[in-house]
Amino acid sequence: MGLFLSRHLAFLDSAYTLTKLVERVPMPDREGVRSPYVDVWKVWESYDDRQTFLWRRIETDERLREHARFVWGPFDGKPMDEAGITRAWDQTVAAVAKIRARGGEVAFIRPPSGGLYYEHERHAAPRAKTWDPLLAKTQSFGIHFEDYPQMQGLEVPEWSHLSRASAKRFTRAYVEVLVKQYPWLDARSSGERS
């Protein structure tokens, strides 16, 4: 039946195909059994000029929001593997070197996370063992949301992505910091080159 309908109906969004919709029908789990539905239905919406925001239903639908939080887990705070951290640093140092060899510059941006996800990150990948050494090893500028008051108190509905309103606030805030760090960004945006 699904194939028949798919041949005669247009689905504008791959997250809204008939099969996906049927998979998302809320079915109660048996007590003590973890749901087999372990992926997030849809997280974002994309618009013109690649503008992407958290899907509004995650902001407004408690069932979808709670499910996304469930999928992001478990939030056990188990420390990241030291070898994995070192491998990530090595790969990132090499990637940054390639970018700079072609005349590019690199700035790392750490957006907010929230709830149990944030607490898990603080224990599993403490900033002093991950973020700070990453900036030192790559000799890069970084913007961490914890360092700027204007990046505090933002809404992170499912703990991993900012709400649309908060994403706009965060973007304005980090662009302002970037322009202070790299004044040529402002000159290029106004059509001048230094």
C-alpha atoms as a PDB file:
ATOM      1  CA  MET A   1       0.000   0.000   0.000  1.00  0.00           C
ATOM      2  CA  GLY A   2       2.854   2.387   0.863  1.00  0.00           C
ATOM      3  CA  LEU A   3       4.476   1.942  -2.553  1.00  0.00           C
ATOM      4  CA  PHE A   4       1.169   2.552  -4.307  1.00  0.00           C
ATOM      5  CA  LEU A   5       0.569   5.773  -2.375  1.00  0.00           C
ATOM      6  CA  SER A   6       4.199   6.906  -2.795  1.00  0.00           C
ATOM      7  CA  ARG A   7       3.817   6.642  -6.574  1.00  0.00           C
ATOM      8  CA  HIS A   8       0.758   8.916  -6.534  1.00  0.00           C
ATOM      9  CA  LEU A   9       1.598  11.422  -3.792  1.00  0.00           C
ATOM     10  CA  ALA A  10       4.411  13.940  -3.548  1.00  0.00           C
ATOM     11  CA  PHE A  11       6.320  14.216  -0.300  1.00  0.00           C
ATOM     12  CA  LEU A  12       8.081  17.563  -0.036  1.00  0.00           C
ATOM     13  CA  ASP A  13      10.179  16.541   2.935  1.00  0.00           C
ATOM     14  CA  SER A  14      11.942  13.199   3.305  1.00  0.00           C
ATOM     15  CA  ALA A  15      11.007  13.173   6.996  1.00  0.00           C
ATOM     16  CA  TYR A  16       7.325  13.128   5.991  1.00  0.00           C
ATOM     17  CA  THR A  17       7.135  10.116   3.691  1.00  0.00           C
ATOM     18  CA  LEU A  18       4.313   7.706   4.408  1.00  0.00           C
ATOM     19  CA  THR A  19       6.674   5.111   5.837  1.00  0.00           C
ATOM     20  CA  LYS A  20       8.304   7.662   8.140  1.00  0.00           C
ATOM     21  CA  LEU A  21       4.911   8.904   9.327  1.00  0.00           C
ATOM     22  CA  VAL A  22       3.745   5.372  10.130  1.00  0.00           C
ATOM     23  CA  GLU A  23       6.994   4.709  12.020  1.00  0.00           C
ATOM     24  CA  ARG A  24       6.298   7.778  14.161  1.00  0.00           C
ATOM     25  CA  VAL A  25       2.830   6.743  15.340  1.00  0.00           C
ATOM     26  CA  PRO A  26       3.133   6.869  19.135  1.00  0.00           C
ATOM     27  CA  MET A  27       2.923   3.316  20.467  1.00  0.00           C
ATOM     28  CA  PRO A  28       3.318   2.727  24.189  1.00  0.00           C
ATOM     29  CA  ASP A  29       6.382   0.695  25.138  1.00  0.00           C
ATOM     30  CA  ARG A  30       6.069  -2.312  27.368  1.00  0.00           C
ATOM     31  CA  GLU A  31       7.267  -1.560  30.860  1.00  0.00           C
ATOM     32  CA  GLY A  32      11.018  -1.987  31.166  1.00  0.00           C
ATOM     33  CA  VAL A  33      11.596  -2.197  27.400  1.00  0.00           C
ATOM     34  CA  ARG A  34      13.503   0.539  25.613  1.00  0.00           C
ATOM     35  CA  SER A  35      11.780   1.725  22.457  1.00  0.00           C
ATOM     36  CA  PRO A  36      13.196   0.522  19.154  1.00  0.00           C
ATOM     37  CA  TYR A  37      12.562   4.043  17.849  1.00  0.00           C
ATOM     38  CA  VAL A  38      16.085   5.308  18.507  1.00  0.00           C
ATOM     39  CA  ASP A  39      16.544   8.054  15.948  1.00  0.00           C
ATOM     40  CA  VAL A  40      15.187  11.565  15.976  1.00  0.00           C
ATOM     41  CA  TRP A  41      12.362  11.999  13.479  1.00  0.00           C
ATOM     42  CA  LYS A  42      13.447  15.391  12.265  1.00  0.00           C
ATOM     43  CA  VAL A  43      15.707  17.946  13.882  1.00  0.00           C
ATOM     44  CA  TRP A  44      15.923  20.912  11.516  1.00  0.00           C
ATOM     45  CA  GLU A  45      14.263  22.845   8.739  1.00  0.00           C
ATOM     46  CA  SER A  46      16.297  24.444   5.955  1.00  0.00           C
ATOM     47  CA  TYR A  47      15.325  27.566   4.044  1.00  0.00           C
ATOM     48  CA  ASP A  48      16.721  29.831   1.343  1.00  0.00           C
ATOM     49  CA  ASP A  49      20.420  30.629   1.508  1.00  0.00           C
ATOM     50  CA  ARG A  50      21.002  27.463   3.596  1.00  0.00           C
ATOM     51  CA  GLN A  51      19.385  29.026   6.656  1.00  0.00           C
ATOM     52  CA  THR A  52      18.745  26.129   9.012  1.00  0.00           C
ATOM     53  CA  PHE A  53      16.831  26.170  12.281  1.00  0.00           C
ATOM     54  CA  LEU A  54      15.609  23.667  14.820  1.00  0.00           C
ATOM     55  CA  TRP A  55      12.328  22.151  13.640  1.00  0.00           C
ATOM     56  CA  ARG A  56       9.529  24.107  15.324  1.00  0.00           C
ATOM     57  CA  ARG A  57       7.745  20.903  16.344  1.00  0.00           C
ATOM     58  CA  ILE A  58      10.705  20.016  18.583  1.00  0.00           C
ATOM     59  CA  GLU A  59      10.146  23.351  20.322  1.00  0.00           C
ATOM     60  CA  THR A  60       6.379  22.897  20.713  1.00  0.00           C
ATOM     61  CA  ASP A  61       5.665  19.149  20.853  1.00  0.00           C
ATOM     62  CA  GLU A  62       6.631  17.664  24.205  1.00  0.00           C
ATOM     63  CA  ARG A  63       6.573  14.075  22.909  1.00  0.00           C
ATOM     64  CA  LEU A  64       9.010  14.848  20.075  1.00  0.00           C
ATOM     65  CA  ARG A  65      11.225  16.957  22.348  1.00  0.00           C
ATOM     66  CA  GLU A  66      11.386  14.246  25.034  1.00  0.00           C
ATOM     67  CA  HIS A  67      12.075  11.607  22.419  1.00  0.00           C
ATOM     68  CA  ALA A  68      15.002  13.607  21.018  1.00  0.00           C
ATOM     69  CA  ARG A  69      16.417  13.923  24.535  1.00  0.00           C
ATOM     70  CA  PHE A  70      16.041  10.175  24.985  1.00  0.00           C
ATOM     71  CA  VAL A  71      17.913   9.502  21.743  1.00  0.00           C
ATOM     72  CA  TRP A  72      20.814  11.822  22.673  1.00  0.00           C
ATOM     73  CA  GLY A  73      21.429   9.714  25.805  1.00  0.00           C
ATOM     74  CA  PRO A  74      22.655   7.922  27.744  1.00  0.00           C
ATOM     75  CA  PHE A  75      24.002  10.723  29.863  1.00  0.00           C
ATOM     76  CA  ASP A  76      26.369   8.720  32.039  1.00  0.00           C
ATOM     77  CA  GLY A  77      29.281  11.177  32.133  1.00  0.00           C
ATOM     78  CA  LYS A  78      31.659   8.364  31.176  1.00  0.00           C
ATOM     79  CA  PRO A  79      34.972  10.018  30.202  1.00  0.00           C
ATOM     80  CA  MET A  80      35.882  10.092  26.542  1.00  0.00           C
ATOM     81  CA  ASP A  81      38.601   7.721  25.425  1.00  0.00           C
ATOM     82  CA  GLU A  82      41.994   9.465  25.645  1.00  0.00           C
ATOM     83  CA  ALA A  83      43.123   7.842  22.393  1.00  0.00           C
ATOM     84  CA  GLY A  84      39.978   9.169  20.678  1.00  0.00           C
ATOM     85  CA  ILE A  85      40.654  12.680  21.936  1.00  0.00           C
ATOM     86  CA  THR A  86      44.269  12.519  20.720  1.00  0.00           C
ATOM     87  CA  ARG A  87      43.150  11.181  17.329  1.00  0.00           C
ATOM     88  CA  ALA A  88      40.632  14.043  16.997  1.00  0.00           C
ATOM     89  CA  TRP A  89      43.331  16.592  17.860  1.00  0.00           C
ATOM     90  CA  ASP A  90      45.728  15.127  15.295  1.00  0.00           C
ATOM     91  CA  GLN A  91      43.079  15.143  12.565  1.00  0.00           C
ATOM     92  CA  THR A  92      42.024  18.680  13.428  1.00  0.00           C
ATOM     93  CA  VAL A  93      45.612  20.015  13.518  1.00  0.00           C
ATOM     94  CA  ALA A  94      46.172  18.526  10.040  1.00  0.00           C
ATOM     95  CA  ALA A  95      42.893  19.982   8.713  1.00  0.00           C
ATOM     96  CA  VAL A  96      43.680  23.443  10.110  1.00  0.00           C
ATOM     97  CA  ALA A  97      47.142  23.332   8.531  1.00  0.00           C
ATOM     98  CA  LYS A  98      45.576  22.556   5.124  1.00  0.00           C
ATOM     99  CA  ILE A  99      43.125  25.437   5.465  1.00  0.00           C
ATOM    100  CA  ARG A 100      45.881  27.856   6.426  1.00  0.00           C
ATOM    101  CA  ALA A 101      48.124  26.617   3.605  1.00  0.00           C
ATOM    102  CA  ARG A 102      45.423  27.825   1.221  1.00  0.00           C
ATOM    103  CA  GLY A 103      45.159  31.233   2.882  1.00  0.00           C
ATOM    104  CA  GLY A 104      42.224  30.476   5.154  1.00  0.00           C
ATOM    105  CA  GLU A 105      41.807  31.169   8.836  1.00  0.00           C
ATOM    106  CA  VAL A 106      40.077  29.054  11.451  1.00  0.00           C
ATOM    107  CA  ALA A 107      37.944  29.951  14.444  1.00  0.00           C
ATOM    108  CA  PHE A 108      36.223  27.317  16.563  1.00  0.00           C
ATOM    109  CA  ILE A 109      32.743  28.004  17.923  1.00  0.00           C
ATOM    110  CA  ARG A 110      31.208  26.082  20.814  1.00  0.00           C
ATOM    111  CA  PRO A 111      27.442  26.708  20.902  1.00  0.00           C
ATOM    112  CA  PRO A 112      25.365  26.024  23.998  1.00  0.00           C
ATOM    113  CA  SER A 113      23.974  22.671  24.969  1.00  0.00           C
ATOM    114  CA  GLY A 114      21.659  22.107  27.886  1.00  0.00           C
ATOM    115  CA  GLY A 115      20.151  19.829  30.499  1.00  0.00           C
ATOM    116  CA  LEU A 116      21.546  16.376  31.092  1.00  0.00           C
ATOM    117  CA  TYR A 117      23.375  16.543  27.754  1.00  0.00           C
ATOM    118  CA  TYR A 118      25.417  19.532  28.960  1.00  0.00           C
ATOM    119  CA  GLU A 119      26.127  17.878  32.308  1.00  0.00           C
ATOM    120  CA  HIS A 120      27.253  14.735  30.492  1.00  0.00           C
ATOM    121  CA  GLU A 121      29.596  16.770  28.247  1.00  0.00           C
ATOM    122  CA  ARG A 122      31.117  18.536  31.247  1.00  0.00           C
ATOM    123  CA  HIS A 123      32.051  15.192  32.794  1.00  0.00           C
ATOM    124  CA  ALA A 124      32.769  13.149  29.657  1.00  0.00           C
ATOM    125  CA  ALA A 125      34.793  15.806  27.820  1.00  0.00           C
ATOM    126  CA  PRO A 126      35.832  18.520  30.289  1.00  0.00           C
ATOM    127  CA  ARG A 127      36.808  21.747  28.661  1.00  0.00           C
ATOM    128  CA  ALA A 128      40.288  21.672  30.217  1.00  0.00           C
ATOM    129  CA  LYS A 129      40.960  18.297  28.557  1.00  0.00           C
ATOM    130  CA  THR A 130      39.339  18.979  25.173  1.00  0.00           C
ATOM    131  CA  TRP A 131      38.477  22.536  24.149  1.00  0.00           C
ATOM    132  CA  ASP A 132      41.414  24.395  25.702  1.00  0.00           C
ATOM    133  CA  PRO A 133      44.101  22.001  24.355  1.00  0.00           C
ATOM    134  CA  LEU A 134      42.387  22.002  20.932  1.00  0.00           C
ATOM    135  CA  LEU A 135      42.791  25.777  20.655  1.00  0.00           C
ATOM    136  CA  ALA A 136      46.396  25.580  21.869  1.00  0.00           C
ATOM    137  CA  LYS A 137      47.367  22.728  19.517  1.00  0.00           C
ATOM    138  CA  THR A 138      45.804  24.410  16.477  1.00  0.00           C
ATOM    139  CA  GLN A 139      46.854  27.910  17.570  1.00  0.00           C
ATOM    140  CA  SER A 140      43.312  29.016  16.814  1.00  0.00           C
ATOM    141  CA  PHE A 141      40.835  31.504  18.180  1.00  0.00           C
ATOM    142  CA  GLY A 142      37.781  30.013  19.834  1.00  0.00           C
ATOM    143  CA  ILE A 143      34.399  31.269  20.976  1.00  0.00           C
ATOM    144  CA  HIS A 144      32.950  29.204  23.817  1.00  0.00           C
ATOM    145  CA  PHE A 145      29.438  30.126  24.903  1.00  0.00           C
ATOM    146  CA  GLU A 146      30.441  29.937  28.577  1.00  0.00           C
ATOM    147  CA  ASP A 147      32.812  32.907  28.114  1.00  0.00           C
ATOM    148  CA  TYR A 148      30.306  35.497  26.893  1.00  0.00           C
ATOM    149  CA  PRO A 149      27.337  36.836  28.893  1.00  0.00           C
ATOM    150  CA  GLN A 150      25.382  37.542  25.691  1.00  0.00           C
ATOM    151  CA  MET A 151      25.540  33.808  24.888  1.00  0.00           C
ATOM    152  CA  GLN A 152      24.059  32.761  28.247  1.00  0.00           C
ATOM    153  CA  GLY A 153      20.451  31.894  29.048  1.00  0.00           C
ATOM    154  CA  LEU A 154      19.603  30.673  25.550  1.00  0.00           C
ATOM    155  CA  GLU A 155      16.879  28.105  24.971  1.00  0.00           C
ATOM    156  CA  VAL A 156      18.063  24.617  24.003  1.00  0.00           C
ATOM    157  CA  PRO A 157      14.740  22.697  23.821  1.00  0.00           C
ATOM    158  CA  GLU A 158      16.059  19.168  23.295  1.00  0.00           C
ATOM    159  CA  TRP A 159      19.432  19.979  24.933  1.00  0.00           C
ATOM    160  CA  SER A 160      21.482  19.869  21.721  1.00  0.00           C
ATOM    161  CA  HIS A 161      20.137  22.570  19.343  1.00  0.00           C
ATOM    162  CA  LEU A 162      19.100  26.155  19.953  1.00  0.00           C
ATOM    163  CA  SER A 163      15.532  27.321  19.440  1.00  0.00           C
ATOM    164  CA  ARG A 164      15.040  29.566  16.415  1.00  0.00           C
ATOM    165  CA  ALA A 165      14.953  32.763  18.495  1.00  0.00           C
ATOM    166  CA  SER A 166      18.014  31.717  20.515  1.00  0.00           C
ATOM    167  CA  ALA A 167      19.902  30.657  17.378  1.00  0.00           C
ATOM    168  CA  LYS A 168      19.449  34.166  15.980  1.00  0.00           C
ATOM    169  CA  ARG A 169      20.672  35.722  19.262  1.00  0.00           C
ATOM    170  CA  PHE A 170      23.656  33.378  19.431  1.00  0.00           C
ATOM    171  CA  THR A 171      24.601  34.022  15.806  1.00  0.00           C
ATOM    172  CA  ARG A 172      24.508  37.806  16.310  1.00  0.00           C
ATOM    173  CA  ALA A 173      26.618  37.407  19.462  1.00  0.00           C
ATOM    174  CA  TYR A 174      29.317  35.197  17.960  1.00  0.00           C
ATOM    175  CA  VAL A 175      29.535  37.232  14.745  1.00  0.00           C
ATOM    176  CA  GLU A 176      30.088  40.337  16.866  1.00  0.00           C
ATOM    177  CA  VAL A 177      32.956  38.556  18.664  1.00  0.00           C
ATOM    178  CA  LEU A 178      34.410  37.305  15.353  1.00  0.00           C
ATOM    179  CA  VAL A 179      34.391  40.807  13.863  1.00  0.00           C
ATOM    180  CA  LYS A 180      36.247  42.141  16.915  1.00  0.00           C
ATOM    181  CA  GLN A 181      38.837  39.361  16.564  1.00  0.00           C
ATOM    182  CA  TYR A 182      39.065  39.618  12.775  1.00  0.00           C
ATOM    183  CA  PRO A 183      38.261  43.215  11.765  1.00  0.00           C
ATOM    184  CA  TRP A 184      38.726  42.344   8.078  1.00  0.00           C
ATOM    185  CA  LEU A 185      35.418  40.450   8.264  1.00  0.00           C
ATOM    186  CA  ASP A 186      33.602  43.733   8.745  1.00  0.00           C
ATOM    187  CA  ALA A 187      35.600  45.409   5.969  1.00  0.00           C
ATOM    188  CA  ARG A 188      34.746  42.613   3.514  1.00  0.00           C
ATOM    189  CA  SER A 189      31.059  42.705   4.425  1.00  0.00           C
ATOM    190  CA  SER A 190      30.954  46.392   3.482  1.00  0.00           C
ATOM    191  CA  GLY A 191      32.720  45.736   0.176  1.00  0.00           C
ATOM    192  CA  GLU A 192      36.172  46.974   1.205  1.00  0.00           C
ATOM    193  CA  ARG A 193      39.360  44.928   1.341  1.00  0.00           C
ATOM    194  CA  SER A 194      42.368  45.700   3.445  1.00  0.00           C
END
